[in-house]
Amino acid sequence: MAKPRSPLPQRLTRDTRDSLFLLALIAAVIAPHLGHLPWWAGAIAALVIAWRGWLSWRQRPLPGRWLLLAVLALYSGLTWLNFRTLLGREAGITLLVVLLALKTLELRARRDAYVVFFLGFFLVLAQFLYSQSLLVGLWMLGAVWGLLAALVLAQMPGPSASLRVAATHAARTTALGLPVMVALFLLFPRIAPLWGVPSDAVGRTGLSNQLDFGAMSEIANDDGIAMRLRFLDGSAPPPPEQRYFRGPVLTRFDGKTWRAPSPAQNWMRGQDRLQLPGPALRYELTLEPLRIPVLPLLEMSPGAVGSPLSLPDLTLTRSPELQWSAPRPITERLRLTAEAHPRWQAGLERRGVQLAAELELPPGLNPRTLAWAQTLASQPRFRSLGPAEHVEALVQAVLQHIRSADFTYTLAPGRYGEDSPHVIDEFWLDRRLGFCEHFASAFVVVMRAMGIPARLVTGFQGWDAEPQDGYYVVRNAQAHAWVEYWTPGRGWRRADPTAAVAPNRVVQGQALRPAPGVIGQLNPTLWRALRGAWETLDNRWAQWVLNYSRQNQFDLLKGLGVARPDWAALGQVLAGVILVASLAGAAWLRWQARPRDAWSRLRAELVAELIRLQLPAHDGQTPRTWAALIEHRYGAQSAELARLLRQLDELRYGRRTPAPIATIAREILSCARKLRHLTSAGR
């Protein structure tokens, strides 16, 4: 019985091997983009690449152009439906990904391969529009190496071109380009990064100018770093109850969603005069690109309402809610030095209509909670107190209720409002399960029901207990929501109902975490050590590379002896470096072109001398050929020179043990010069 034939090739042809290698590279280039693409975009690109790999493996013909055009039209239509445009960053990269995948289905000529290579290089560069982390940088360096290896492989003739040799040449080329890259990085003028272009993407932290009831639970799964800070001038870190980073402040509530104040409300509110008694804490902050339109700073940073805060390529404004608002989402890493005054006061002069926005409640919603709050406020024990004491006593009574009642702080409370629009009633009086946002939202509603102006503040609270490389780390999972209420004669004061039910969250800075991964379950200590080591390395990458600014460039010029560093001096130094690099490159090429051994040098001298004798000699000929050429041109005058050339040919290529070639070569050169002089004199 005959053995069935395997449908797979026994040995990969060069075309199949090169195609599979290129497809693997394309998949590696596209992979980091998948998290920023619609799911269908990644699925179509993966199917196209897998199909192209199957065609290469089975050595099947490529599809026709009409099928490719149909897929491209479908993809373009889906892109338009998803983004409502074919332009812009997200839509453009989505189209570029499928163009790269589809181009692999028409690799019929070398120029098609070049298009694939350069589309791949462009997608490598585009990845830095989303992230500039060390991990992304290493991944992209590997992708560039692979694309260069594929480019070298496409230039190598023959069916047995070695992938290892191509990779070695690509690595050498990459290594030679690294010094040029470093020089340009150090000296090329700093410009606004492309990744600072405004984006409509939602911030990773869940913080924005509006917040749906229960939406902040998603960020607990994100243990990524939001910011790093270190204290300067000997300032000690504040106690845990003062580690609040002020972000968006929300006042309008429709029963489901909290929103920032409207422009009309801000106009009616007027301006709060901020008072900052006590010493300031100076600190250096490195903020990751959180994609929120607010700069979260440690409370309370100085600056009057309406005053600007100028950062590189970004100007922020102090809002009436005492937050620093940006004209667009902050999509680039920021590094700044700031001050914090933990003992701040604001809103002492507020009266009447200025507090109306902080007393509004959605009509007809949460009647049971409102009735509960009014019953508490009407108790006789509060009637004899003064205005300020009355407010503080009610606040403490509500906090005590949270401590004593059966409330539970959890990241999995379930969804509220599925069967009823009264979400606060459901949380406050029925289920009593929630996290910081649930407690803060209900607390504000209770305060307003008792006639106390209150608002919701979002941001971050606390940081990791142990610093990394001298920096305290604030994570996305430490995003938080708390409350500010207004007291007559004392202004705005902070209350954190989460501290009443989960003191570890605020007092010890321990944010709830989801279940750890496999390593974290087996060895939590090892997992924390590995994560800390990597984050320290990534922080140094951020501080030394990503935060390299024009001031660092000017400091470098000072270190090089430039008395007055400016743009002109920077350009002159850069031009000098380019000139030196060009001269060094030219010298290197000349050095590489030199003969590598004694015979090659002698051969080059002989060819040069024969050319002076007006002979059509070149390096690819043998000495015997040169002898025939010279006899044909000069006849008997060249007999001795022709004899020596044939002797040299025998010594070089004969089977006998060769005599010293240098000796006879010198005789040939001497004889050739004599012949040249004789022929010159005869003319």
Foldseek 3Di string as FASTA:
>chain_A
DDDDDDLFDPDQWLVLVLLVLLLVLLCLLCVLCCVLAPVVLVVVLVVLSVVLNVCSRNVHAFDDPVVLVVVLVVQLVVLCVVPVDCDDLHNVVSSLSVVLSSLSSPPPDVVSLVVNLVSSVVSLVSSVLQPDFPVSVVSSVVSQLSSQLSVQQSVDDDRPDDSVVSSVVSVVVVVVCVVVVVLCLLQPADDDDPSQPFDPDAFLLQDEQKHFQLPRLVLLAFFAFFKKKFWPPPDDDDALLQQFFFWHWFQDDQLTMTGHDDPVLQVQLDAKDKDFDDDKIKMKMKGAQRQYQWDGGRAAFDDGAQDWDDFVVWIWGQHRVRTTGTPGRRRHIGIDMTIHRSPMFIAQPTDDPSLVSLLDDNPPAQVVLLVVLQVVLPDPVLVPDDQQVSLVVSLVVVLVCLQPDPAAEDSPQDDADPPHSRRLCCCVPNSNYYHQSNQAVNSSNSCSSSVWRKIKTKDFGAFDPDAAPNITTTGSLRIHMWMWIQTHNGGTDTDRSNCSRPVCCRNVVDGDHDDDDPCCVVPVVVVVVVVSVVVNVRVCCCVVRVPCHVVVSQVVVVVVPDPDDDSVVSVVVSVVVVVVVVVVVVVVVVVVPDDDDDVSNLLVVVQVLVVLVVFPDDSVDALQVSLVRVCVVPNPLCPVLSVLSVLLRCLVPNPDPHDPSVVSSVVNSVSSVVSSVVVVVVD
